[in-house]
C-alpha atoms as a PDB file:
ATOM      1  CA  MET A   1      -0.055   0.053  -0.028  1.00  0.00           C
ATOM      2  CA  LYS A   2       2.004   3.022   0.903  1.00  0.00           C
ATOM      3  CA  ASN A   3       5.612   3.487   0.124  1.00  0.00           C
ATOM      4  CA  ILE A   4       7.982   3.629   3.132  1.00  0.00           C
ATOM      5  CA  LEU A   5      10.277   6.674   3.220  1.00  0.00           C
ATOM      6  CA  PRO A   6       8.999   8.714   0.119  1.00  0.00           C
ATOM      7  CA  ARG A   7       5.855   8.967   1.397  1.00  0.00           C
ATOM      8  CA  LEU A   8       6.630  10.361   4.834  1.00  0.00           C
ATOM      9  CA  THR A   9       5.842  14.114   4.689  1.00  0.00           C
ATOM     10  CA  LEU A  10       7.721  14.692   1.297  1.00  0.00           C
ATOM     11  CA  LEU A  11       7.605  18.389   1.432  1.00  0.00           C
ATOM     12  CA  ALA A  12       9.977  18.175   4.381  1.00  0.00           C
ATOM     13  CA  ALA A  13      13.683  17.956   4.379  1.00  0.00           C
ATOM     14  CA  ALA A  14      13.928  14.920   2.357  1.00  0.00           C
ATOM     15  CA  SER A  15      17.592  14.095   3.501  1.00  0.00           C
ATOM     16  CA  PHE A  16      16.442  14.368   7.306  1.00  0.00           C
ATOM     17  CA  LEU A  17      13.467  11.987   6.340  1.00  0.00           C
ATOM     18  CA  LEU A  18      15.614   9.275   4.877  1.00  0.00           C
ATOM     19  CA  THR A  19      17.820   8.990   7.947  1.00  0.00           C
ATOM     20  CA  ALA A  20      15.439   9.977  11.053  1.00  0.00           C
ATOM     21  CA  CYS A  21      13.294   7.710  13.127  1.00  0.00           C
ATOM     22  CA  PRO A  22       9.921   8.510  14.050  1.00  0.00           C
ATOM     23  CA  SER A  23       9.323  10.068  17.392  1.00  0.00           C
ATOM     24  CA  GLU A  24       7.537   7.456  19.567  1.00  0.00           C
ATOM     25  CA  LYS A  25       6.795   9.258  22.845  1.00  0.00           C
ATOM     26  CA  PRO A  26       4.083   8.097  25.166  1.00  0.00           C
ATOM     27  CA  ALA A  27       0.589   9.535  24.520  1.00  0.00           C
ATOM     28  CA  GLU A  28      -1.832  10.501  27.406  1.00  0.00           C
ATOM     29  CA  THR A  29      -3.477   7.503  28.892  1.00  0.00           C
ATOM     30  CA  ALA A  30      -6.936   6.409  28.089  1.00  0.00           C
ATOM     31  CA  SER A  31      -9.756   8.439  29.657  1.00  0.00           C
ATOM     32  CA  GLN A  32     -12.253   6.677  31.785  1.00  0.00           C
ATOM     33  CA  PRO A  33     -15.923   7.914  31.517  1.00  0.00           C
ATOM     34  CA  SER A  34     -17.026   9.395  34.877  1.00  0.00           C
ATOM     35  CA  ALA A  35     -19.773   8.033  37.242  1.00  0.00           C
ATOM     36  CA  THR A  36     -22.180  10.629  36.079  1.00  0.00           C
ATOM     37  CA  GLU A  37     -21.842   9.581  32.292  1.00  0.00           C
ATOM     38  CA  ALA A  38     -24.562   7.458  30.577  1.00  0.00           C
ATOM     39  CA  PRO A  39     -23.027   4.402  29.280  1.00  0.00           C
ATOM     40  CA  PRO A  40     -22.601   4.507  25.659  1.00  0.00           C
ATOM     41  CA  ALA A  41     -25.029   2.774  23.231  1.00  0.00           C
ATOM     42  CA  LYS A  42     -23.953  -0.688  22.501  1.00  0.00           C
ATOM     43  CA  ALA A  43     -22.664  -1.326  19.435  1.00  0.00           C
ATOM     44  CA  PRO A  44     -24.012  -4.509  17.174  1.00  0.00           C
ATOM     45  CA  ALA A  45     -21.256  -7.173  16.833  1.00  0.00           C
ATOM     46  CA  PHE A  46     -18.755  -7.037  13.968  1.00  0.00           C
ATOM     47  CA  ASN A  47     -18.470 -10.342  12.089  1.00  0.00           C
ATOM     48  CA  ALA A  48     -14.837 -11.215  11.547  1.00  0.00           C
ATOM     49  CA  ASP A  49     -15.846 -14.038   9.366  1.00  0.00           C
ATOM     50  CA  SER A  50     -17.698 -11.743   6.999  1.00  0.00           C
ATOM     51  CA  ALA A  51     -14.850  -9.506   6.748  1.00  0.00           C
ATOM     52  CA  TYR A  52     -12.442 -12.190   6.243  1.00  0.00           C
ATOM     53  CA  ALA A  53     -14.646 -13.500   3.320  1.00  0.00           C
ATOM     54  CA  TYR A  54     -14.862 -10.134   1.774  1.00  0.00           C
ATOM     55  CA  THR A  55     -10.847  -9.795   1.896  1.00  0.00           C
ATOM     56  CA  ALA A  56     -10.732 -13.382   0.200  1.00  0.00           C
ATOM     57  CA  LYS A  57     -13.221 -12.336  -2.552  1.00  0.00           C
ATOM     58  CA  GLN A  58     -11.225  -9.503  -3.311  1.00  0.00           C
ATOM     59  CA  VAL A  59      -7.951 -11.234  -3.576  1.00  0.00           C
ATOM     60  CA  ALA A  60      -9.313 -13.835  -5.818  1.00  0.00           C
ATOM     61  CA  PHE A  61      -9.872 -11.382  -8.424  1.00  0.00           C
ATOM     62  CA  GLY A  62      -6.156 -11.021  -8.743  1.00  0.00           C
ATOM     63  CA  PRO A  63      -4.140  -8.004  -8.193  1.00  0.00           C
ATOM     64  CA  ARG A  64      -6.249  -4.653  -8.669  1.00  0.00           C
ATOM     65  CA  VAL A  65      -4.077  -2.832 -10.546  1.00  0.00           C
ATOM     66  CA  PRO A  66      -5.538   0.005 -12.740  1.00  0.00           C
ATOM     67  CA  ASN A  67      -6.374  -0.671 -16.147  1.00  0.00           C
ATOM     68  CA  LYS A  68      -6.371  -4.692 -15.672  1.00  0.00           C
ATOM     69  CA  PRO A  69      -9.421  -6.775 -15.983  1.00  0.00           C
ATOM     70  CA  ALA A  70      -9.348  -7.774 -12.354  1.00  0.00           C
ATOM     71  CA  HIS A  71      -9.472  -4.124 -11.098  1.00  0.00           C
ATOM     72  CA  VAL A  72     -12.523  -3.609 -13.251  1.00  0.00           C
ATOM     73  CA  ALA A  73     -13.929  -6.725 -12.101  1.00  0.00           C
ATOM     74  CA  CYS A  74     -13.345  -6.068  -8.549  1.00  0.00           C
ATOM     75  CA  GLY A  75     -14.703  -2.646  -8.597  1.00  0.00           C
ATOM     76  CA  ASN A  76     -17.825  -3.875 -10.370  1.00  0.00           C
ATOM     77  CA  TYR A  77     -18.322  -6.312  -7.328  1.00  0.00           C
ATOM     78  CA  LEU A  78     -17.584  -3.564  -4.796  1.00  0.00           C
ATOM     79  CA  VAL A  79     -20.402  -1.538  -6.337  1.00  0.00           C
ATOM     80  CA  ALA A  80     -22.921  -4.174  -6.619  1.00  0.00           C
ATOM     81  CA  LYS A  81     -22.294  -5.570  -2.918  1.00  0.00           C
ATOM     82  CA  LEU A  82     -22.684  -1.740  -1.618  1.00  0.00           C
ATOM     83  CA  LYS A  83     -25.869  -1.507  -3.376  1.00  0.00           C
ATOM     84  CA  SER A  84     -27.058  -5.097  -2.059  1.00  0.00           C
ATOM     85  CA  PHE A  85     -26.870  -3.336   1.497  1.00  0.00           C
ATOM     86  CA  GLY A  86     -29.627  -0.902   0.229  1.00  0.00           C
ATOM     87  CA  LEU A  87     -27.110   2.027   0.283  1.00  0.00           C
ATOM     88  CA  LYS A  88     -26.961   4.964  -2.060  1.00  0.00           C
ATOM     89  CA  VAL A  89     -23.945   4.383  -4.162  1.00  0.00           C
ATOM     90  CA  TYR A  90     -22.370   6.838  -6.595  1.00  0.00           C
ATOM     91  CA  GLU A  91     -19.471   5.698  -8.825  1.00  0.00           C
ATOM     92  CA  GLN A  92     -16.673   8.702  -9.656  1.00  0.00           C
ATOM     93  CA  PRO A  93     -14.420   7.817 -12.904  1.00  0.00           C
ATOM     94  CA  PHE A  94     -11.476   9.631 -13.257  1.00  0.00           C
ATOM     95  CA  LYS A  95      -8.418   9.808 -15.514  1.00  0.00           C
ATOM     96  CA  ALA A  96      -4.659  10.016 -13.981  1.00  0.00           C
ATOM     97  CA  MET A  97      -1.068   9.824 -14.920  1.00  0.00           C
ATOM     98  CA  THR A  98       1.103   7.581 -12.785  1.00  0.00           C
ATOM     99  CA  PHE A  99       4.910   8.703 -11.858  1.00  0.00           C
ATOM    100  CA  ASP A 100       5.893   6.317 -14.939  1.00  0.00           C
ATOM    101  CA  GLY A 101       3.805   8.351 -17.426  1.00  0.00           C
ATOM    102  CA  THR A 102       1.036   5.426 -17.456  1.00  0.00           C
ATOM    103  CA  GLN A 103      -2.235   6.808 -18.306  1.00  0.00           C
ATOM    104  CA  ILE A 104      -5.020   5.238 -16.010  1.00  0.00           C
ATOM    105  CA  ASN A 105      -8.616   4.816 -15.472  1.00  0.00           C
ATOM    106  CA  GLY A 106      -9.486   5.035 -12.001  1.00  0.00           C
ATOM    107  CA  ARG A 107     -12.844   5.014 -10.039  1.00  0.00           C
ATOM    108  CA  ASN A 108     -13.860   5.999  -6.471  1.00  0.00           C
ATOM    109  CA  ILE A 109     -16.718   4.445  -5.052  1.00  0.00           C
ATOM    110  CA  ILE A 110     -18.868   6.077  -2.433  1.00  0.00           C
ATOM    111  CA  ALA A 111     -21.758   4.712  -0.640  1.00  0.00           C
ATOM    112  CA  GLN A 112     -24.495   6.320   1.719  1.00  0.00           C
ATOM    113  CA  TYR A 113     -25.928   4.755   4.809  1.00  0.00           C
ATOM    114  CA  GLN A 114     -28.881   6.974   6.310  1.00  0.00           C
ATOM    115  CA  PRO A 115     -27.988   9.753   3.516  1.00  0.00           C
ATOM    116  CA  GLN A 116     -30.823  11.876   5.103  1.00  0.00           C
ATOM    117  CA  ALA A 117     -28.741  12.202   8.188  1.00  0.00           C
ATOM    118  CA  ALA A 118     -27.353  15.770   8.804  1.00  0.00           C
ATOM    119  CA  ARG A 119     -24.301  14.261  11.031  1.00  0.00           C
ATOM    120  CA  ARG A 120     -21.934  12.378   8.972  1.00  0.00           C
ATOM    121  CA  ILE A 121     -18.931  10.100   9.479  1.00  0.00           C
ATOM    122  CA  ALA A 122     -16.793   9.075   6.631  1.00  0.00           C
ATOM    123  CA  LEU A 123     -15.136   5.556   6.343  1.00  0.00           C
ATOM    124  CA  PHE A 124     -12.252   5.752   3.797  1.00  0.00           C
ATOM    125  CA  ALA A 125      -9.963   3.010   2.215  1.00  0.00           C
ATOM    126  CA  HIS A 126      -8.346   2.299  -1.136  1.00  0.00           C
ATOM    127  CA  TRP A 127      -9.050  -0.462  -2.930  1.00  0.00           C
ATOM    128  CA  ASP A 128      -6.395  -0.938  -5.816  1.00  0.00           C
ATOM    129  CA  THR A 129      -2.986  -2.697  -5.306  1.00  0.00           C
ATOM    130  CA  ARG A 130       0.346  -1.786  -6.083  1.00  0.00           C
ATOM    131  CA  PRO A 131       1.650  -3.008  -9.454  1.00  0.00           C
ATOM    132  CA  TYR A 132       4.852  -4.397  -8.284  1.00  0.00           C
ATOM    133  CA  ALA A 133       6.562  -5.711  -5.258  1.00  0.00           C
ATOM    134  CA  ASP A 134       9.396  -3.374  -5.248  1.00  0.00           C
ATOM    135  CA  GLU A 135      10.166  -3.920  -1.494  1.00  0.00           C
ATOM    136  CA  GLU A 136      11.108  -7.637  -2.249  1.00  0.00           C
ATOM    137  CA  LYS A 137      14.499  -8.918  -1.099  1.00  0.00           C
ATOM    138  CA  ASP A 138      14.555 -11.454  -4.086  1.00  0.00           C
ATOM    139  CA  PRO A 139      15.144  -9.111  -7.207  1.00  0.00           C
ATOM    140  CA  ALA A 140      13.327 -11.682  -9.185  1.00  0.00           C
ATOM    141  CA  LYS A 141      10.063 -11.047  -7.441  1.00  0.00           C
ATOM    142  CA  ARG A 142      10.107  -7.124  -7.537  1.00  0.00           C
ATOM    143  CA  LYS A 143       8.350  -6.680 -10.931  1.00  0.00           C
ATOM    144  CA  LEU A 144       5.345  -8.903  -9.701  1.00  0.00           C
ATOM    145  CA  PRO A 145       2.352  -7.171  -8.494  1.00  0.00           C
ATOM    146  CA  ILE A 146       0.945  -7.844  -5.207  1.00  0.00           C
ATOM    147  CA  ASP A 147      -2.242  -9.414  -3.910  1.00  0.00           C
ATOM    148  CA  GLY A 148      -2.683  -6.704  -1.463  1.00  0.00           C
ATOM    149  CA  ALA A 149      -4.720  -8.652   1.074  1.00  0.00           C
ATOM    150  CA  SER A 150      -3.823  -6.468   3.952  1.00  0.00           C
ATOM    151  CA  ASP A 151      -2.887  -3.538   2.130  1.00  0.00           C
ATOM    152  CA  GLY A 152      -6.212  -2.648   0.601  1.00  0.00           C
ATOM    153  CA  ALA A 153      -8.279  -5.494   0.649  1.00  0.00           C
ATOM    154  CA  SER A 154      -8.523  -6.054   4.420  1.00  0.00           C
ATOM    155  CA  ALA A 155      -9.465  -2.267   4.927  1.00  0.00           C
ATOM    156  CA  VAL A 156     -12.127  -2.475   2.389  1.00  0.00           C
ATOM    157  CA  ALA A 157     -13.335  -5.499   3.859  1.00  0.00           C
ATOM    158  CA  VAL A 158     -13.891  -3.942   7.327  1.00  0.00           C
ATOM    159  CA  ALA A 159     -15.616  -0.858   5.619  1.00  0.00           C
ATOM    160  CA  LEU A 160     -17.883  -3.418   3.752  1.00  0.00           C
ATOM    161  CA  GLU A 161     -18.776  -5.255   6.761  1.00  0.00           C
ATOM    162  CA  ILE A 162     -19.568  -2.225   8.714  1.00  0.00           C
ATOM    163  CA  ALA A 163     -21.795  -1.002   6.042  1.00  0.00           C
ATOM    164  CA  ARG A 164     -23.474  -4.383   6.076  1.00  0.00           C
ATOM    165  CA  THR A 165     -23.700  -4.432   9.945  1.00  0.00           C
ATOM    166  CA  LEU A 166     -25.430  -0.995   9.917  1.00  0.00           C
ATOM    167  CA  SER A 167     -27.601  -1.895   7.132  1.00  0.00           C
ATOM    168  CA  LEU A 168     -29.382  -4.619   9.092  1.00  0.00           C
ATOM    169  CA  GLN A 169     -30.163  -2.551  12.095  1.00  0.00           C
ATOM    170  CA  PRO A 170     -33.893  -1.486  12.607  1.00  0.00           C
ATOM    171  CA  GLU A 171     -34.221   2.262  12.790  1.00  0.00           C
ATOM    172  CA  LYS A 172     -34.483   2.257  16.668  1.00  0.00           C
ATOM    173  CA  LEU A 173     -30.898   0.597  17.001  1.00  0.00           C
ATOM    174  CA  ALA A 174     -29.470   2.789  14.053  1.00  0.00           C
ATOM    175  CA  PRO A 175     -26.512   5.208  15.284  1.00  0.00           C
ATOM    176  CA  ASN A 176     -27.211   8.806  15.721  1.00  0.00           C
ATOM    177  CA  VAL A 177     -25.000   9.704  12.378  1.00  0.00           C
ATOM    178  CA  GLY A 178     -25.068   8.946   8.711  1.00  0.00           C
ATOM    179  CA  VAL A 179     -21.930   7.001   7.853  1.00  0.00           C
ATOM    180  CA  ASP A 180     -20.486   7.231   4.304  1.00  0.00           C
ATOM    181  CA  VAL A 181     -17.902   4.517   2.735  1.00  0.00           C
ATOM    182  CA  ILE A 182     -15.639   6.144   0.447  1.00  0.00           C
ATOM    183  CA  LEU A 183     -13.459   3.469  -1.437  1.00  0.00           C
ATOM    184  CA  VAL A 184     -10.663   5.528  -3.388  1.00  0.00           C
ATOM    185  CA  ASP A 185      -8.681   4.093  -6.366  1.00  0.00           C
ATOM    186  CA  ALA A 186      -5.025   4.595  -7.448  1.00  0.00           C
ATOM    187  CA  GLU A 187      -3.706   5.293  -4.015  1.00  0.00           C
ATOM    188  CA  ASP A 188      -0.678   2.721  -4.572  1.00  0.00           C
ATOM    189  CA  TRP A 189       1.203   3.504  -8.039  1.00  0.00           C
ATOM    190  CA  GLY A 190       3.568   6.067  -6.457  1.00  0.00           C
ATOM    191  CA  PHE A 191       7.198   6.472  -6.698  1.00  0.00           C
ATOM    192  CA  ASP A 192       9.637   5.065  -4.145  1.00  0.00           C
ATOM    193  CA  ALA A 193      12.717   6.807  -4.242  1.00  0.00           C
ATOM    194  CA  GLY A 194      14.320   3.937  -1.974  1.00  0.00           C
ATOM    195  CA  THR A 195      13.525   0.924  -4.201  1.00  0.00           C
ATOM    196  CA  GLN A 196      13.043   2.923  -7.703  1.00  0.00           C
ATOM    197  CA  ALA A 197      15.907   5.145  -7.666  1.00  0.00           C
ATOM    198  CA  GLY A 198      16.867   3.963 -11.129  1.00  0.00           C
ATOM    199  CA  GLN A 199      13.642   5.200 -12.630  1.00  0.00           C
ATOM    200  CA  LYS A 200      12.574   8.501 -13.613  1.00  0.00           C
ATOM    201  CA  ASN A 201       9.819   9.980 -11.514  1.00  0.00           C
ATOM    202  CA  LEU A 202       7.688  12.058 -14.281  1.00  0.00           C
ATOM    203  CA  LEU A 203       5.607  13.972 -11.642  1.00  0.00           C
ATOM    204  CA  GLN A 204       8.352  15.267  -9.773  1.00  0.00           C
ATOM    205  CA  GLY A 205       7.728  18.760  -8.818  1.00  0.00           C
ATOM    206  CA  GLN A 206       4.148  18.472 -10.122  1.00  0.00           C
ATOM    207  CA  GLY A 207       2.339  16.924  -6.730  1.00  0.00           C
ATOM    208  CA  ASP A 208       2.366  13.577  -5.338  1.00  0.00           C
ATOM    209  CA  GLY A 209       2.110  10.472  -7.158  1.00  0.00           C
ATOM    210  CA  TRP A 210       0.430   8.422  -4.445  1.00  0.00           C
ATOM    211  CA  CYS A 211      -3.210   8.626  -3.609  1.00  0.00           C
ATOM    212  CA  LEU A 212      -4.500   9.928  -6.947  1.00  0.00           C
ATOM    213  CA  GLY A 213      -8.006   8.760  -6.245  1.00  0.00           C
ATOM    214  CA  SER A 214      -8.435  10.684  -2.887  1.00  0.00           C
ATOM    215  CA  GLN A 215      -6.548  13.768  -4.404  1.00  0.00           C
ATOM    216  CA  TYR A 216      -9.427  13.917  -7.196  1.00  0.00           C
ATOM    217  CA  TRP A 217     -12.248  13.072  -4.813  1.00  0.00           C
ATOM    218  CA  ALA A 218     -10.776  15.972  -2.473  1.00  0.00           C
ATOM    219  CA  LYS A 219     -11.304  18.285  -5.309  1.00  0.00           C
ATOM    220  CA  ASN A 220     -14.032  17.173  -6.829  1.00  0.00           C
ATOM    221  CA  LYS A 221     -16.031  15.770  -3.683  1.00  0.00           C
ATOM    222  CA  VAL A 222     -19.035  13.261  -4.293  1.00  0.00           C
ATOM    223  CA  PRO A 223     -21.554  13.727  -3.359  1.00  0.00           C
ATOM    224  CA  ALA A 224     -21.284  17.541  -4.216  1.00  0.00           C
ATOM    225  CA  GLY A 225     -20.717  19.808  -1.171  1.00  0.00           C
ATOM    226  CA  TYR A 226     -20.098  16.775   1.131  1.00  0.00           C
ATOM    227  CA  LYS A 227     -19.072  17.483   4.685  1.00  0.00           C
ATOM    228  CA  ALA A 228     -18.525  15.053   7.314  1.00  0.00           C
ATOM    229  CA  GLU A 229     -17.635  15.670  10.999  1.00  0.00           C
ATOM    230  CA  TYR A 230     -14.651  13.455  10.844  1.00  0.00           C
ATOM    231  CA  GLY A 231     -13.391  10.504   8.683  1.00  0.00           C
ATOM    232  CA  ILE A 232     -11.469   7.191   9.730  1.00  0.00           C
ATOM    233  CA  LEU A 233      -8.816   5.943   6.875  1.00  0.00           C
ATOM    234  CA  PHE A 234      -8.456   2.082   7.145  1.00  0.00           C
ATOM    235  CA  ASP A 235      -5.351   1.015   5.610  1.00  0.00           C
ATOM    236  CA  MET A 236      -3.377  -2.325   6.241  1.00  0.00           C
ATOM    237  CA  VAL A 237      -5.884  -3.539   8.900  1.00  0.00           C
ATOM    238  CA  GLY A 238      -5.795  -7.264   8.555  1.00  0.00           C
ATOM    239  CA  ALA A 239      -2.468  -8.800   9.030  1.00  0.00           C
ATOM    240  CA  LYS A 240      -1.841 -11.191  12.235  1.00  0.00           C
ATOM    241  CA  ASP A 241      -0.336  -9.163  15.237  1.00  0.00           C
ATOM    242  CA  GLY A 242      -1.308  -5.806  13.544  1.00  0.00           C
ATOM    243  CA  HIS A 243      -0.496  -2.829  15.603  1.00  0.00           C
ATOM    244  CA  PHE A 244      -1.848   0.749  15.157  1.00  0.00           C
ATOM    245  CA  THR A 245       0.105   3.793  16.397  1.00  0.00           C
ATOM    246  CA  ARG A 246      -1.084   7.479  16.759  1.00  0.00           C
ATOM    247  CA  GLU A 247       0.202   8.826  13.406  1.00  0.00           C
ATOM    248  CA  GLY A 248       1.542  12.337  13.316  1.00  0.00           C
ATOM    249  CA  THR A 249      -0.940  13.957  10.631  1.00  0.00           C
ATOM    250  CA  SER A 250      -4.027  12.313  12.355  1.00  0.00           C
ATOM    251  CA  ARG A 251      -2.900  14.243  15.776  1.00  0.00           C
ATOM    252  CA  GLN A 252      -2.301  17.116  14.292  1.00  0.00           C
ATOM    253  CA  ASN A 253      -5.625  17.324  12.225  1.00  0.00           C
ATOM    254  CA  ALA A 254      -8.096  15.203  14.199  1.00  0.00           C
ATOM    255  CA  LEU A 255      -6.517  14.679  17.875  1.00  0.00           C
ATOM    256  CA  SER A 256     -10.091  14.608  19.357  1.00  0.00           C
ATOM    257  CA  VAL A 257     -10.879  11.729  17.058  1.00  0.00           C
ATOM    258  CA  VAL A 258      -7.695   9.855  17.734  1.00  0.00           C
ATOM    259  CA  ASN A 259      -8.439   9.944  21.331  1.00  0.00           C
ATOM    260  CA  LYS A 260     -12.014   8.692  20.761  1.00  0.00           C
ATOM    261  CA  ILE A 261     -10.782   5.790  18.536  1.00  0.00           C
ATOM    262  CA  TRP A 262      -7.898   4.740  20.906  1.00  0.00           C
ATOM    263  CA  ASN A 263      -9.894   5.215  24.053  1.00  0.00           C
ATOM    264  CA  THR A 264     -12.808   3.346  22.944  1.00  0.00           C
ATOM    265  CA  ALA A 265     -10.383   0.289  21.683  1.00  0.00           C
ATOM    266  CA  THR A 266      -8.943   0.337  25.449  1.00  0.00           C
ATOM    267  CA  GLN A 267     -12.184   0.182  26.869  1.00  0.00           C
ATOM    268  CA  LEU A 268     -13.428  -2.706  24.709  1.00  0.00           C
ATOM    269  CA  GLY A 269      -9.970  -4.500  25.372  1.00  0.00           C
ATOM    270  CA  TYR A 270      -8.158  -4.088  22.122  1.00  0.00           C
ATOM    271  CA  SER A 271      -5.146  -2.187  23.562  1.00  0.00           C
ATOM    272  CA  ASP A 272      -2.813  -4.805  22.283  1.00  0.00           C
ATOM    273  CA  TYR A 273      -3.818  -3.545  18.757  1.00  0.00           C
ATOM    274  CA  PHE A 274      -4.127   0.149  19.514  1.00  0.00           C
ATOM    275  CA  LEU A 275      -0.996   1.471  20.866  1.00  0.00           C
ATOM    276  CA  PHE A 276      -0.730   4.616  22.966  1.00  0.00           C
ATOM    277  CA  LYS A 277       2.374   5.527  20.831  1.00  0.00           C
ATOM    278  CA  ASP A 278       2.799   8.619  18.949  1.00  0.00           C
ATOM    279  CA  THR A 279       4.529   8.233  15.334  1.00  0.00           C
ATOM    280  CA  ASP A 280       5.775  10.431  12.606  1.00  0.00           C
ATOM    281  CA  PRO A 281       3.166  11.376   9.661  1.00  0.00           C
ATOM    282  CA  ILE A 282       3.258   9.497   6.743  1.00  0.00           C
ATOM    283  CA  THR A 283       1.651  10.434   3.507  1.00  0.00           C
ATOM    284  CA  ASP A 284      -1.545   8.614   3.103  1.00  0.00           C
ATOM    285  CA  ASP A 285      -5.090   9.208   1.689  1.00  0.00           C
ATOM    286  CA  HIS A 286      -5.795  11.071   4.703  1.00  0.00           C
ATOM    287  CA  VAL A 287      -3.653  13.835   4.045  1.00  0.00           C
ATOM    288  CA  TYR A 288      -6.032  14.923   1.224  1.00  0.00           C
ATOM    289  CA  THR A 289      -9.033  14.272   2.878  1.00  0.00           C
ATOM    290  CA  ASN A 290      -7.802  16.582   5.872  1.00  0.00           C
ATOM    291  CA  GLN A 291      -7.022  19.182   3.222  1.00  0.00           C
ATOM    292  CA  ALA A 292     -10.754  19.022   1.777  1.00  0.00           C
ATOM    293  CA  GLY A 293     -11.870  20.046   5.387  1.00  0.00           C
ATOM    294  CA  ILE A 294     -12.554  16.443   6.865  1.00  0.00           C
ATOM    295  CA  PRO A 295     -10.301  15.857   9.901  1.00  0.00           C
ATOM    296  CA  THR A 296      -9.422  12.449   9.156  1.00  0.00           C
ATOM    297  CA  VAL A 297      -7.398   9.491  11.374  1.00  0.00           C
ATOM    298  CA  ASP A 298      -5.296   7.060   9.445  1.00  0.00           C
ATOM    299  CA  ILE A 299      -5.287   3.503  11.234  1.00  0.00           C
ATOM    300  CA  TYR A 300      -2.659   1.511   9.498  1.00  0.00           C
ATOM    301  CA  ASP A 301      -0.407  -1.274  10.713  1.00  0.00           C
ATOM    302  CA  HIS A 302       2.858   0.248  12.233  1.00  0.00           C
ATOM    303  CA  PRO A 303       5.482  -2.283  13.688  1.00  0.00           C
ATOM    304  CA  ALA A 304       5.250  -1.993  17.507  1.00  0.00           C
ATOM    305  CA  PHE A 305       9.078  -1.977  17.820  1.00  0.00           C
ATOM    306  CA  GLY A 306      12.148  -0.753  16.156  1.00  0.00           C
ATOM    307  CA  THR A 307      12.349   2.076  13.423  1.00  0.00           C
ATOM    308  CA  GLU A 308      10.638   0.686  10.462  1.00  0.00           C
ATOM    309  CA  TYR A 309       7.279   2.617   9.532  1.00  0.00           C
ATOM    310  CA  PHE A 310       5.700  -0.269   7.750  1.00  0.00           C
ATOM    311  CA  PRO A 311       5.380  -4.124   8.539  1.00  0.00           C
ATOM    312  CA  PRO A 312       7.743  -6.583   6.672  1.00  0.00           C
ATOM    313  CA  TYR A 313       5.030  -7.745   4.117  1.00  0.00           C
ATOM    314  CA  HIS A 314       4.287  -4.383   3.145  1.00  0.00           C
ATOM    315  CA  HIS A 315       4.890  -4.207  -0.955  1.00  0.00           C
ATOM    316  CA  THR A 316       6.064  -7.971  -1.042  1.00  0.00           C
ATOM    317  CA  THR A 317       4.374 -10.898  -2.373  1.00  0.00           C
ATOM    318  CA  ALA A 318       3.980 -11.968   1.356  1.00  0.00           C
ATOM    319  CA  ASP A 319       0.630  -9.764   1.413  1.00  0.00           C
ATOM    320  CA  ASN A 320      -1.547 -12.451   0.635  1.00  0.00           C
ATOM    321  CA  MET A 321      -4.220 -14.312   2.322  1.00  0.00           C
ATOM    322  CA  SER A 322      -1.917 -16.316   4.509  1.00  0.00           C
ATOM    323  CA  ILE A 323      -1.185 -13.309   6.625  1.00  0.00           C
ATOM    324  CA  ILE A 324      -4.754 -12.349   7.310  1.00  0.00           C
ATOM    325  CA  ASP A 325      -6.216 -12.535  11.077  1.00  0.00           C
ATOM    326  CA  ARG A 326      -9.602 -12.259  11.827  1.00  0.00           C
ATOM    327  CA  LYS A 327      -8.632 -10.848  15.206  1.00  0.00           C
ATOM    328  CA  THR A 328      -7.044  -8.082  13.992  1.00  0.00           C
ATOM    329  CA  MET A 329     -10.098  -6.874  11.727  1.00  0.00           C
ATOM    330  CA  LYS A 330     -12.305  -7.781  14.499  1.00  0.00           C
ATOM    331  CA  ALA A 331     -10.449  -5.270  16.814  1.00  0.00           C
ATOM    332  CA  VAL A 332     -10.631  -2.519  14.164  1.00  0.00           C
ATOM    333  CA  GLY A 333     -14.240  -3.272  12.669  1.00  0.00           C
ATOM    334  CA  GLN A 334     -15.695  -3.299  16.211  1.00  0.00           C
ATOM    335  CA  THR A 335     -13.767  -0.448  17.770  1.00  0.00           C
ATOM    336  CA  THR A 336     -15.107   1.486  14.820  1.00  0.00           C
ATOM    337  CA  LEU A 337     -18.565   0.431  15.324  1.00  0.00           C
ATOM    338  CA  GLN A 338     -18.504   1.584  18.884  1.00  0.00           C
ATOM    339  CA  VAL A 339     -17.287   5.009  17.921  1.00  0.00           C
ATOM    340  CA  LEU A 340     -20.045   5.324  15.705  1.00  0.00           C
ATOM    341  CA  TYR A 341     -22.660   4.187  18.375  1.00  0.00           C
ATOM    342  CA  ASN A 342     -21.071   6.490  20.858  1.00  0.00           C
ATOM    343  CA  GLU A 343     -22.155   9.779  18.663  1.00  0.00           C
END
């Protein structure tokens, strides 16, 4: 999904970013509800088996690389699945050029639950996959596309399962907010200076070659004039022993939402996944949704220890169904549902 060093706040000093380690200072401890507060509404159960099946279904199409048949087929499946939940679905086609000059046909997919609700929360995920496993140690594998089981498919699957769960609730048990699932395309075809130094970046000086779908959506929001109180970006949320830290751009733009999510996770018993550890900013789709006026938090798999920004499977052929764990998706999905029901 994301590229490691080049996607760290690229407009900052590049030489520093290539050598510096993330700041990982402790964050404040989880807050506890006071004795006078009413207990939050109980959220429905998140079905991790269903989320796992949605992940496997996407992977079964093959790598979801823009312009490829698997990409088109998977996009059609996602649209049909969201419509089957009774949601209002929009498709936003767009064209873009990647860093290597490839002209791609992208498609953002937007689905609304309770579209009449004035208060809205956005759930973002990217549904494409990287066209090459450029972080493979074996040079023979670096030109292979990746399955993107965690990096993309698991995030979409969590969003799908949340949408399905909400769609089954009777009106009296619905949350007090509308929820929008926004699946962005063409996130993962960016230039990585660490692994692709021999290639020319045709977009250098012209903006970010990553997150092309979210950049397009942020400038051309669908529905028109769209507003949300906040957003949650899922990215790499399905791997065994996943860990989620409090990423810098999320804290800067949506600290209160970060606190909501991490405190809720702790109260639900998921503190082994949601770590109270502050880490440096990365460039991901939330950069552009924040710029569009939606305070957005990025939930992505960050190693619990060491200086790496992304887990070992990142942008390798190891990102396949063998690493997917229902427990990790349960932690993310149940926490998010409870956050929605706390509103």
